[in-house]
All heavy atoms as atom14 arrays in JSON, in Angstrom:
{
  "sequence": "HYEPLGIVSGDHIDLIRPGRTGRDLHFLFGDVAGKGVAASMLMAN",
  "atom14_mask": [
    [1, 1, 1, 1, 1, 1, 1, 1, 1, 1, 0, 0, 0, 0],
    [1, 1, 1, 1, 1, 1, 1, 1, 1, 1, 1, 1, 0, 0],
    [1, 1, 1, 1, 1, 1, 1, 1, 1, 0, 0, 0, 0, 0],
    [1, 1, 1, 1, 1, 1, 1, 0, 0, 0, 0, 0, 0, 0],
    [1, 1, 1, 1, 1, 1, 1, 1, 0, 0, 0, 0, 0, 0],
    [1, 1, 1, 1, 0, 0, 0, 0, 0, 0, 0, 0, 0, 0],
    [1, 1, 1, 1, 1, 1, 1, 1, 0, 0, 0, 0, 0, 0],
    [1, 1, 1, 1, 1, 1, 1, 0, 0, 0, 0, 0, 0, 0],
    [1, 1, 1, 1, 1, 1, 0, 0, 0, 0, 0, 0, 0, 0],
    [1, 1, 1, 1, 0, 0, 0, 0, 0, 0, 0, 0, 0, 0],
    [1, 1, 1, 1, 1, 1, 1, 1, 0, 0, 0, 0, 0, 0],
    [1, 1, 1, 1, 1, 1, 1, 1, 1, 1, 0, 0, 0, 0],
    [1, 1, 1, 1, 1, 1, 1, 1, 0, 0, 0, 0, 0, 0],
    [1, 1, 1, 1, 1, 1, 1, 1, 0, 0, 0, 0, 0, 0],
    [1, 1, 1, 1, 1, 1, 1, 1, 0, 0, 0, 0, 0, 0],
    [1, 1, 1, 1, 1, 1, 1, 1, 0, 0, 0, 0, 0, 0],
    [1, 1, 1, 1, 1, 1, 1, 1, 1, 1, 1, 0, 0, 0],
    [1, 1, 1, 1, 1, 1, 1, 0, 0, 0, 0, 0, 0, 0],
    [1, 1, 1, 1, 0, 0, 0, 0, 0, 0, 0, 0, 0, 0],
    [1, 1, 1, 1, 1, 1, 1, 1, 1, 1, 1, 0, 0, 0],
    [1, 1, 1, 1, 1, 1, 1, 0, 0, 0, 0, 0, 0, 0],
    [1, 1, 1, 1, 0, 0, 0, 0, 0, 0, 0, 0, 0, 0],
    [1, 1, 1, 1, 1, 1, 1, 1, 1, 1, 1, 0, 0, 0],
    [1, 1, 1, 1, 1, 1, 1, 1, 0, 0, 0, 0, 0, 0],
    [1, 1, 1, 1, 1, 1, 1, 1, 0, 0, 0, 0, 0, 0],
    [1, 1, 1, 1, 1, 1, 1, 1, 1, 1, 0, 0, 0, 0],
    [1, 1, 1, 1, 1, 1, 1, 1, 1, 1, 1, 0, 0, 0],
    [1, 1, 1, 1, 1, 1, 1, 1, 0, 0, 0, 0, 0, 0],
    [1, 1, 1, 1, 1, 1, 1, 1, 1, 1, 1, 0, 0, 0],
    [1, 1, 1, 1, 0, 0, 0, 0, 0, 0, 0, 0, 0, 0],
    [1, 1, 1, 1, 1, 1, 1, 1, 0, 0, 0, 0, 0, 0],
    [1, 1, 1, 1, 1, 1, 1, 0, 0, 0, 0, 0, 0, 0],
    [1, 1, 1, 1, 1, 0, 0, 0, 0, 0, 0, 0, 0, 0],
    [1, 1, 1, 1, 0, 0, 0, 0, 0, 0, 0, 0, 0, 0],
    [1, 1, 1, 1, 1, 1, 1, 1, 1, 0, 0, 0, 0, 0],
    [1, 1, 1, 1, 0, 0, 0, 0, 0, 0, 0, 0, 0, 0],
    [1, 1, 1, 1, 1, 1, 1, 0, 0, 0, 0, 0, 0, 0],
    [1, 1, 1, 1, 1, 0, 0, 0, 0, 0, 0, 0, 0, 0],
    [1, 1, 1, 1, 1, 0, 0, 0, 0, 0, 0, 0, 0, 0],
    [1, 1, 1, 1, 1, 1, 0, 0, 0, 0, 0, 0, 0, 0],
    [1, 1, 1, 1, 1, 1, 1, 1, 0, 0, 0, 0, 0, 0],
    [1, 1, 1, 1, 1, 1, 1, 1, 0, 0, 0, 0, 0, 0],
    [1, 1, 1, 1, 1, 1, 1, 1, 0, 0, 0, 0, 0, 0],
    [1, 1, 1, 1, 1, 0, 0, 0, 0, 0, 0, 0, 0, 0],
    [1, 1, 1, 1, 1, 1, 1, 1, 0, 0, 0, 0, 0, 0]
  ],
  "atom14_positions": [
    [[9.89, -10.32, -1.76], [9.13, -10.72, -2.95], [9.18, -12.24, -2.99], [10.28, -12.8, -2.94], [9.76, -10.05, -4.2], [9.1, -10.55, -5.47], [7.99, -9.93, -6.0], [9.41, -11.53, -6.29], [7.64, -10.53, -7.12], [8.5, -11.58, -7.3], [0.0, 0.0, 0.0], [0.0, 0.0, 0.0], [0.0, 0.0, 0.0], [0.0, 0.0, 0.0]],
    [[8.06, -12.83, -3.27], [7.94, -14.33, -3.27], [7.15, -14.7, -4.46], [5.95, -14.35, -4.55], [7.32, -14.72, -1.96], [7.05, -16.25, -1.85], [8.11, -17.08, -1.35], [5.8, -16.82, -2.09], [7.93, -18.44, -1.23], [5.64, -18.13, -1.96], [6.58, -18.96, -1.44], [6.36, -20.3, -1.34], [0.0, 0.0, 0.0], [0.0, 0.0, 0.0]],
    [[7.76, -15.34, -5.46], [7.06, -15.69, -6.67], [7.39, -17.12, -7.07], [8.39, -17.4, -7.72], [7.53, -14.75, -7.79], [6.83, -14.94, -9.13], [7.36, -13.89, -10.17], [8.03, -12.91, -9.77], [7.04, -14.12, -11.33], [0.0, 0.0, 0.0], [0.0, 0.0, 0.0], [0.0, 0.0, 0.0], [0.0, 0.0, 0.0], [0.0, 0.0, 0.0]],
    [[6.46, -18.07, -6.77], [6.71, -19.5, -7.11], [6.7, -19.68, -8.58], [5.96, -18.99, -9.31], [5.57, -20.18, -6.44], [5.02, -19.28, -5.38], [5.31, -17.92, -5.93], [0.0, 0.0, 0.0], [0.0, 0.0, 0.0], [0.0, 0.0, 0.0], [0.0, 0.0, 0.0], [0.0, 0.0, 0.0], [0.0, 0.0, 0.0], [0.0, 0.0, 0.0]],
    [[7.48, -20.62, -9.1], [7.46, -20.95, -10.53], [6.18, -21.66, -10.82], [5.56, -21.44, -11.91], [8.66, -21.83, -10.8], [8.79, -22.3, -12.32], [9.0, -21.16, -13.29], [9.86, -23.32, -12.47], [0.0, 0.0, 0.0], [0.0, 0.0, 0.0], [0.0, 0.0, 0.0], [0.0, 0.0, 0.0], [0.0, 0.0, 0.0], [0.0, 0.0, 0.0]],
    [[5.75, -22.57, -9.92], [4.49, -23.27, -10.18], [3.45, -22.87, -9.06], [3.51, -21.79, -8.5], [0.0, 0.0, 0.0], [0.0, 0.0, 0.0], [0.0, 0.0, 0.0], [0.0, 0.0, 0.0], [0.0, 0.0, 0.0], [0.0, 0.0, 0.0], [0.0, 0.0, 0.0], [0.0, 0.0, 0.0], [0.0, 0.0, 0.0], [0.0, 0.0, 0.0]],
    [[2.57, -23.75, -8.75], [1.53, -23.53, -7.82], [2.16, -23.33, -6.37], [1.75, -22.52, -5.58], [0.48, -24.59, -7.8], [-0.25, -24.58, -9.16], [-0.53, -24.43, -6.65], [-1.3, -25.7, -9.34], [0.0, 0.0, 0.0], [0.0, 0.0, 0.0], [0.0, 0.0, 0.0], [0.0, 0.0, 0.0], [0.0, 0.0, 0.0], [0.0, 0.0, 0.0]],
    [[3.12, -24.2, -6.07], [3.8, -24.13, -4.72], [5.31, -24.02, -4.96], [5.83, -24.25, -6.09], [3.52, -25.38, -3.85], [2.0, -25.36, -3.39], [3.82, -26.68, -4.61], [0.0, 0.0, 0.0], [0.0, 0.0, 0.0], [0.0, 0.0, 0.0], [0.0, 0.0, 0.0], [0.0, 0.0, 0.0], [0.0, 0.0, 0.0], [0.0, 0.0, 0.0]],
    [[6.05, -23.7, -3.9], [7.45, -23.4, -4.02], [8.28, -24.03, -2.92], [7.77, -24.4, -1.92], [7.59, -21.89, -3.81], [8.97, -21.5, -3.8], [0.0, 0.0, 0.0], [0.0, 0.0, 0.0], [0.0, 0.0, 0.0], [0.0, 0.0, 0.0], [0.0, 0.0, 0.0], [0.0, 0.0, 0.0], [0.0, 0.0, 0.0], [0.0, 0.0, 0.0]],
    [[9.53, -24.3, -3.34], [10.58, -24.81, -2.35], [11.3, -23.71, -1.66], [12.02, -23.96, -0.74], [0.0, 0.0, 0.0], [0.0, 0.0, 0.0], [0.0, 0.0, 0.0], [0.0, 0.0, 0.0], [0.0, 0.0, 0.0], [0.0, 0.0, 0.0], [0.0, 0.0, 0.0], [0.0, 0.0, 0.0], [0.0, 0.0, 0.0], [0.0, 0.0, 0.0]],
    [[11.04, -22.45, -2.1], [11.58, -21.27, -1.36], [10.7, -20.97, -0.17], [9.51, -21.23, -0.14], [11.64, -20.05, -2.27], [12.65, -20.17, -3.44], [13.36, -21.2, -3.44], [12.73, -19.2, -4.21], [0.0, 0.0, 0.0], [0.0, 0.0, 0.0], [0.0, 0.0, 0.0], [0.0, 0.0, 0.0], [0.0, 0.0, 0.0], [0.0, 0.0, 0.0]],
    [[11.32, -20.4, 0.92], [10.52, -20.01, 2.02], [11.2, -18.87, 2.79], [12.4, -18.72, 2.86], [10.31, -21.22, 2.93], [9.25, -20.95, 3.94], [7.88, -20.83, 3.57], [9.3, -20.75, 5.3], [7.19, -20.57, 4.62], [7.98, -20.54, 5.66], [0.0, 0.0, 0.0], [0.0, 0.0, 0.0], [0.0, 0.0, 0.0], [0.0, 0.0, 0.0]],
    [[10.31, -18.12, 3.37], [10.68, -16.97, 4.32], [9.89, -17.2, 5.56], [8.64, -17.38, 5.56], [10.48, -15.64, 3.69], [11.43, -15.42, 2.46], [10.62, -14.56, 4.66], [11.03, -14.2, 1.66], [0.0, 0.0, 0.0], [0.0, 0.0, 0.0], [0.0, 0.0, 0.0], [0.0, 0.0, 0.0], [0.0, 0.0, 0.0], [0.0, 0.0, 0.0]],
    [[10.53, -16.95, 6.71], [9.74, -16.9, 7.98], [10.37, -15.81, 8.89], [11.6, -15.64, 8.89], [9.78, -18.26, 8.68], [8.69, -18.37, 9.78], [7.79, -17.55, 9.69], [8.77, -19.26, 10.57], [0.0, 0.0, 0.0], [0.0, 0.0, 0.0], [0.0, 0.0, 0.0], [0.0, 0.0, 0.0], [0.0, 0.0, 0.0], [0.0, 0.0, 0.0]],
    [[9.52, -15.1, 9.56], [9.88, -14.13, 10.53], [9.25, -14.44, 11.82], [8.0, -14.46, 11.85], [9.54, -12.66, 10.04], [10.21, -12.27, 8.66], [9.51, -10.97, 8.2], [11.68, -12.1, 8.81], [0.0, 0.0, 0.0], [0.0, 0.0, 0.0], [0.0, 0.0, 0.0], [0.0, 0.0, 0.0], [0.0, 0.0, 0.0], [0.0, 0.0, 0.0]],
    [[9.99, -14.72, 12.84], [9.45, -15.23, 14.13], [9.6, -14.17, 15.14], [10.74, -13.87, 15.66], [10.19, -16.54, 14.51], [10.17, -17.5, 13.37], [9.51, -17.14, 15.73], [11.05, -18.7, 13.58], [0.0, 0.0, 0.0], [0.0, 0.0, 0.0], [0.0, 0.0, 0.0], [0.0, 0.0, 0.0], [0.0, 0.0, 0.0], [0.0, 0.0, 0.0]],
    [[8.51, -13.58, 15.57], [8.55, -12.56, 16.64], [8.97, -13.11, 17.99], [8.73, -14.34, 18.22], [7.21, -11.89, 16.81], [6.83, -10.93, 15.57], [5.59, -10.13, 15.83], [5.18, -9.33, 14.75], [5.67, -8.14, 14.54], [6.52, -7.59, 15.35], [5.21, -7.46, 13.51], [0.0, 0.0, 0.0], [0.0, 0.0, 0.0], [0.0, 0.0, 0.0]],
    [[9.58, -12.34, 18.83], [10.01, -12.93, 20.15], [8.84, -13.37, 20.97], [7.7, -12.76, 20.86], [10.69, -11.75, 20.78], [10.27, -10.48, 20.07], [9.9, -10.94, 18.68], [0.0, 0.0, 0.0], [0.0, 0.0, 0.0], [0.0, 0.0, 0.0], [0.0, 0.0, 0.0], [0.0, 0.0, 0.0], [0.0, 0.0, 0.0], [0.0, 0.0, 0.0]],
    [[9.07, -14.38, 21.8], [8.09, -14.89, 22.68], [8.07, -14.15, 23.98], [8.58, -12.94, 24.07], [0.0, 0.0, 0.0], [0.0, 0.0, 0.0], [0.0, 0.0, 0.0], [0.0, 0.0, 0.0], [0.0, 0.0, 0.0], [0.0, 0.0, 0.0], [0.0, 0.0, 0.0], [0.0, 0.0, 0.0], [0.0, 0.0, 0.0], [0.0, 0.0, 0.0]],
    [[7.56, -14.66, 24.99], [7.39, -13.93, 26.28], [8.68, -13.54, 26.88], [8.82, -12.54, 27.55], [6.58, -14.85, 27.29], [5.11, -15.08, 26.8], [4.44, -15.85, 27.86], [3.03, -16.14, 27.5], [2.13, -16.86, 28.17], [2.57, -17.44, 29.3], [0.91, -16.96, 27.75], [0.0, 0.0, 0.0], [0.0, 0.0, 0.0], [0.0, 0.0, 0.0]],
    [[9.68, -14.39, 26.73], [10.99, -14.12, 27.35], [12.06, -13.68, 26.37], [13.1, -13.24, 26.79], [11.52, -15.39, 28.07], [11.64, -16.44, 27.1], [10.58, -15.86, 29.16], [0.0, 0.0, 0.0], [0.0, 0.0, 0.0], [0.0, 0.0, 0.0], [0.0, 0.0, 0.0], [0.0, 0.0, 0.0], [0.0, 0.0, 0.0], [0.0, 0.0, 0.0]],
    [[11.76, -13.75, 25.06], [12.76, -13.3, 24.12], [12.63, -11.8, 23.78], [11.63, -11.21, 24.07], [0.0, 0.0, 0.0], [0.0, 0.0, 0.0], [0.0, 0.0, 0.0], [0.0, 0.0, 0.0], [0.0, 0.0, 0.0], [0.0, 0.0, 0.0], [0.0, 0.0, 0.0], [0.0, 0.0, 0.0], [0.0, 0.0, 0.0], [0.0, 0.0, 0.0]],
    [[13.65, -11.31, 23.11], [13.67, -9.92, 22.76], [13.99, -9.76, 21.25], [13.85, -8.64, 20.68], [14.66, -9.08, 23.6], [14.37, -9.13, 25.12], [15.35, -8.31, 25.82], [15.38, -6.94, 25.42], [16.22, -6.02, 25.89], [17.16, -6.38, 26.73], [16.2, -4.75, 25.45], [0.0, 0.0, 0.0], [0.0, 0.0, 0.0], [0.0, 0.0, 0.0]],
    [[14.5, -10.75, 20.6], [15.03, -10.67, 19.24], [14.03, -11.29, 18.26], [13.32, -12.23, 18.57], [16.35, -11.39, 19.09], [17.44, -10.78, 20.0], [17.3, -9.6, 20.4], [18.41, -11.52, 20.24], [0.0, 0.0, 0.0], [0.0, 0.0, 0.0], [0.0, 0.0, 0.0], [0.0, 0.0, 0.0], [0.0, 0.0, 0.0], [0.0, 0.0, 0.0]],
    [[14.08, -10.78, 17.0], [13.29, -11.34, 15.94], [14.19, -12.23, 15.2], [15.32, -11.99, 14.84], [12.86, -10.18, 14.96], [12.17, -10.68, 13.74], [10.65, -10.97, 14.07], [12.18, -9.63, 12.6], [0.0, 0.0, 0.0], [0.0, 0.0, 0.0], [0.0, 0.0, 0.0], [0.0, 0.0, 0.0], [0.0, 0.0, 0.0], [0.0, 0.0, 0.0]],
    [[13.7, -13.54, 14.99], [14.38, -14.5, 14.19], [13.93, -14.53, 12.74], [12.69, -14.34, 12.52], [14.2, -15.9, 14.77], [15.01, -16.11, 16.08], [14.57, -15.54, 17.31], [16.16, -16.83, 16.28], [15.46, -15.93, 18.19], [16.33, -16.66, 17.65], [0.0, 0.0, 0.0], [0.0, 0.0, 0.0], [0.0, 0.0, 0.0], [0.0, 0.0, 0.0]],
    [[14.8, -14.79, 11.82], [14.37, -14.93, 10.42], [14.91, -16.13, 9.84], [15.98, -16.7, 10.21], [14.74, -13.65, 9.64], [16.28, -13.52, 9.44], [16.93, -14.08, 8.31], [17.03, -12.76, 10.29], [18.31, -13.92, 8.12], [18.39, -12.58, 10.09], [18.99, -13.17, 9.05], [0.0, 0.0, 0.0], [0.0, 0.0, 0.0], [0.0, 0.0, 0.0]],
    [[14.27, -16.61, 8.78], [14.65, -17.84, 8.04], [14.46, -17.57, 6.59], [13.32, -17.18, 6.17], [13.86, -19.1, 8.52], [14.05, -20.37, 7.65], [15.49, -20.86, 7.83], [13.07, -21.39, 8.17], [0.0, 0.0, 0.0], [0.0, 0.0, 0.0], [0.0, 0.0, 0.0], [0.0, 0.0, 0.0], [0.0, 0.0, 0.0], [0.0, 0.0, 0.0]],
    [[15.45, -17.76, 5.75], [15.38, -17.51, 4.33], [15.93, -18.75, 3.64], [17.2, -18.93, 3.78], [16.15, -16.22, 3.93], [15.92, -15.84, 2.55], [14.96, -14.93, 2.15], [16.74, -16.36, 1.5], [14.81, -14.51, 0.91], [16.63, -15.98, 0.17], [15.63, -15.04, -0.14], [0.0, 0.0, 0.0], [0.0, 0.0, 0.0], [0.0, 0.0, 0.0]],
    [[15.15, -19.59, 3.01], [15.7, -20.89, 2.56], [15.18, -21.28, 1.17], [14.26, -20.73, 0.6], [0.0, 0.0, 0.0], [0.0, 0.0, 0.0], [0.0, 0.0, 0.0], [0.0, 0.0, 0.0], [0.0, 0.0, 0.0], [0.0, 0.0, 0.0], [0.0, 0.0, 0.0], [0.0, 0.0, 0.0], [0.0, 0.0, 0.0], [0.0, 0.0, 0.0]],
    [[15.91, -22.29, 0.64], [15.57, -22.86, -0.63], [15.81, -24.38, -0.65], [17.03, -24.79, -0.51], [16.47, -22.18, -1.72], [16.16, -22.67, -3.14], [15.25, -23.46, -3.37], [16.84, -22.18, -4.03], [0.0, 0.0, 0.0], [0.0, 0.0, 0.0], [0.0, 0.0, 0.0], [0.0, 0.0, 0.0], [0.0, 0.0, 0.0], [0.0, 0.0, 0.0]],
    [[14.83, -25.19, -0.72], [15.01, -26.65, -0.8], [15.31, -27.07, -2.22], [14.75, -26.58, -3.19], [13.71, -27.33, -0.28], [13.76, -28.81, -0.63], [13.51, -27.11, 1.24], [0.0, 0.0, 0.0], [0.0, 0.0, 0.0], [0.0, 0.0, 0.0], [0.0, 0.0, 0.0], [0.0, 0.0, 0.0], [0.0, 0.0, 0.0], [0.0, 0.0, 0.0]],
    [[16.21, -27.97, -2.37], [16.56, -28.49, -3.67], [15.32, -29.16, -4.31], [14.52, -29.9, -3.68], [17.74, -29.57, -3.57], [0.0, 0.0, 0.0], [0.0, 0.0, 0.0], [0.0, 0.0, 0.0], [0.0, 0.0, 0.0], [0.0, 0.0, 0.0], [0.0, 0.0, 0.0], [0.0, 0.0, 0.0], [0.0, 0.0, 0.0], [0.0, 0.0, 0.0]],
    [[15.13, -28.83, -5.59], [13.95, -29.31, -6.35], [12.82, -28.33, -6.34], [12.98, -27.16, -5.9], [0.0, 0.0, 0.0], [0.0, 0.0, 0.0], [0.0, 0.0, 0.0], [0.0, 0.0, 0.0], [0.0, 0.0, 0.0], [0.0, 0.0, 0.0], [0.0, 0.0, 0.0], [0.0, 0.0, 0.0], [0.0, 0.0, 0.0], [0.0, 0.0, 0.0]],
    [[11.72, -28.74, -6.93], [10.56, -27.79, -7.09], [9.3, -28.57, -6.78], [9.29, -29.77, -6.55], [10.54, -27.28, -8.56], [11.78, -26.6, -9.01], [11.64, -26.14, -10.48], [12.86, -25.4, -10.96], [14.04, -26.32, -10.97], [0.0, 0.0, 0.0], [0.0, 0.0, 0.0], [0.0, 0.0, 0.0], [0.0, 0.0, 0.0], [0.0, 0.0, 0.0]],
    [[8.15, -27.8, -6.76], [6.89, -28.37, -6.6], [6.54, -28.83, -5.24], [7.09, -28.42, -4.21], [0.0, 0.0, 0.0], [0.0, 0.0, 0.0], [0.0, 0.0, 0.0], [0.0, 0.0, 0.0], [0.0, 0.0, 0.0], [0.0, 0.0, 0.0], [0.0, 0.0, 0.0], [0.0, 0.0, 0.0], [0.0, 0.0, 0.0], [0.0, 0.0, 0.0]],
    [[5.57, -29.8, -5.18], [4.97, -30.16, -3.92], [5.99, -30.78, -2.92], [5.97, -30.51, -1.76], [3.82, -31.18, -4.16], [3.25, -31.71, -2.88], [2.71, -30.48, -4.96], [0.0, 0.0, 0.0], [0.0, 0.0, 0.0], [0.0, 0.0, 0.0], [0.0, 0.0, 0.0], [0.0, 0.0, 0.0], [0.0, 0.0, 0.0], [0.0, 0.0, 0.0]],
    [[6.81, -31.73, -3.5], [7.82, -32.28, -2.6], [8.69, -31.27, -1.91], [8.95, -31.45, -0.72], [8.67, -33.34, -3.37], [0.0, 0.0, 0.0], [0.0, 0.0, 0.0], [0.0, 0.0, 0.0], [0.0, 0.0, 0.0], [0.0, 0.0, 0.0], [0.0, 0.0, 0.0], [0.0, 0.0, 0.0], [0.0, 0.0, 0.0], [0.0, 0.0, 0.0]],
    [[9.2, -30.31, -2.7], [10.06, -29.27, -2.08], [9.33, -28.46, -1.11], [9.88, -28.03, -0.05], [10.69, -28.41, -3.21], [0.0, 0.0, 0.0], [0.0, 0.0, 0.0], [0.0, 0.0, 0.0], [0.0, 0.0, 0.0], [0.0, 0.0, 0.0], [0.0, 0.0, 0.0], [0.0, 0.0, 0.0], [0.0, 0.0, 0.0], [0.0, 0.0, 0.0]],
    [[8.06, -28.07, -1.42], [7.28, -27.28, -0.45], [7.0, -28.05, 0.82], [6.97, -27.36, 1.89], [5.95, -26.83, -1.16], [5.06, -28.01, -1.28], [0.0, 0.0, 0.0], [0.0, 0.0, 0.0], [0.0, 0.0, 0.0], [0.0, 0.0, 0.0], [0.0, 0.0, 0.0], [0.0, 0.0, 0.0], [0.0, 0.0, 0.0], [0.0, 0.0, 0.0]],
    [[6.83, -29.32, 0.79], [6.57, -30.12, 2.01], [7.83, -30.1, 2.9], [7.79, -29.97, 4.09], [6.14, -31.5, 1.68], [4.79, -31.63, 1.09], [4.37, -33.29, 0.55], [4.34, -34.09, 2.13], [0.0, 0.0, 0.0], [0.0, 0.0, 0.0], [0.0, 0.0, 0.0], [0.0, 0.0, 0.0], [0.0, 0.0, 0.0], [0.0, 0.0, 0.0]],
    [[9.01, -30.27, 2.23], [10.25, -30.22, 3.02], [10.45, -28.87, 3.69], [10.93, -28.76, 4.78], [11.4, -30.66, 2.12], [11.53, -32.09, 1.69], [12.64, -32.26, 0.65], [11.68, -33.0, 2.87], [0.0, 0.0, 0.0], [0.0, 0.0, 0.0], [0.0, 0.0, 0.0], [0.0, 0.0, 0.0], [0.0, 0.0, 0.0], [0.0, 0.0, 0.0]],
    [[10.24, -27.75, 2.93], [10.34, -26.5, 3.48], [9.41, -26.26, 4.63], [9.75, -25.59, 5.63], [10.19, -25.41, 2.4], [10.53, -23.98, 2.96], [12.06, -23.85, 3.85], [13.29, -23.93, 2.54], [0.0, 0.0, 0.0], [0.0, 0.0, 0.0], [0.0, 0.0, 0.0], [0.0, 0.0, 0.0], [0.0, 0.0, 0.0], [0.0, 0.0, 0.0]],
    [[8.16, -26.73, 4.51], [7.25, -26.56, 5.64], [7.75, -27.35, 6.85], [7.6, -26.85, 8.01], [5.9, -27.08, 5.22], [0.0, 0.0, 0.0], [0.0, 0.0, 0.0], [0.0, 0.0, 0.0], [0.0, 0.0, 0.0], [0.0, 0.0, 0.0], [0.0, 0.0, 0.0], [0.0, 0.0, 0.0], [0.0, 0.0, 0.0], [0.0, 0.0, 0.0]],
    [[8.38, -28.5, 6.64], [8.93, -29.27, 7.75], [10.08, -28.43, 8.41], [10.16, -28.35, 9.63], [9.47, -30.55, 7.27], [10.14, -31.38, 8.32], [9.76, -31.46, 9.44], [11.28, -31.96, 7.9], [0.0, 0.0, 0.0], [0.0, 0.0, 0.0], [0.0, 0.0, 0.0], [0.0, 0.0, 0.0], [0.0, 0.0, 0.0], [0.0, 0.0, 0.0]]
  ]
}
């Protein structure tokens, strides 16, 4: 469940399927300090 307080969020989830040589699924679950556009840009980075 993903529910931003405003229009964009500093929270983020990513699920990365294995590539050609990999076999495992990678996950990322994070929260950048702050809110809004600045936090969302850092999380995208």
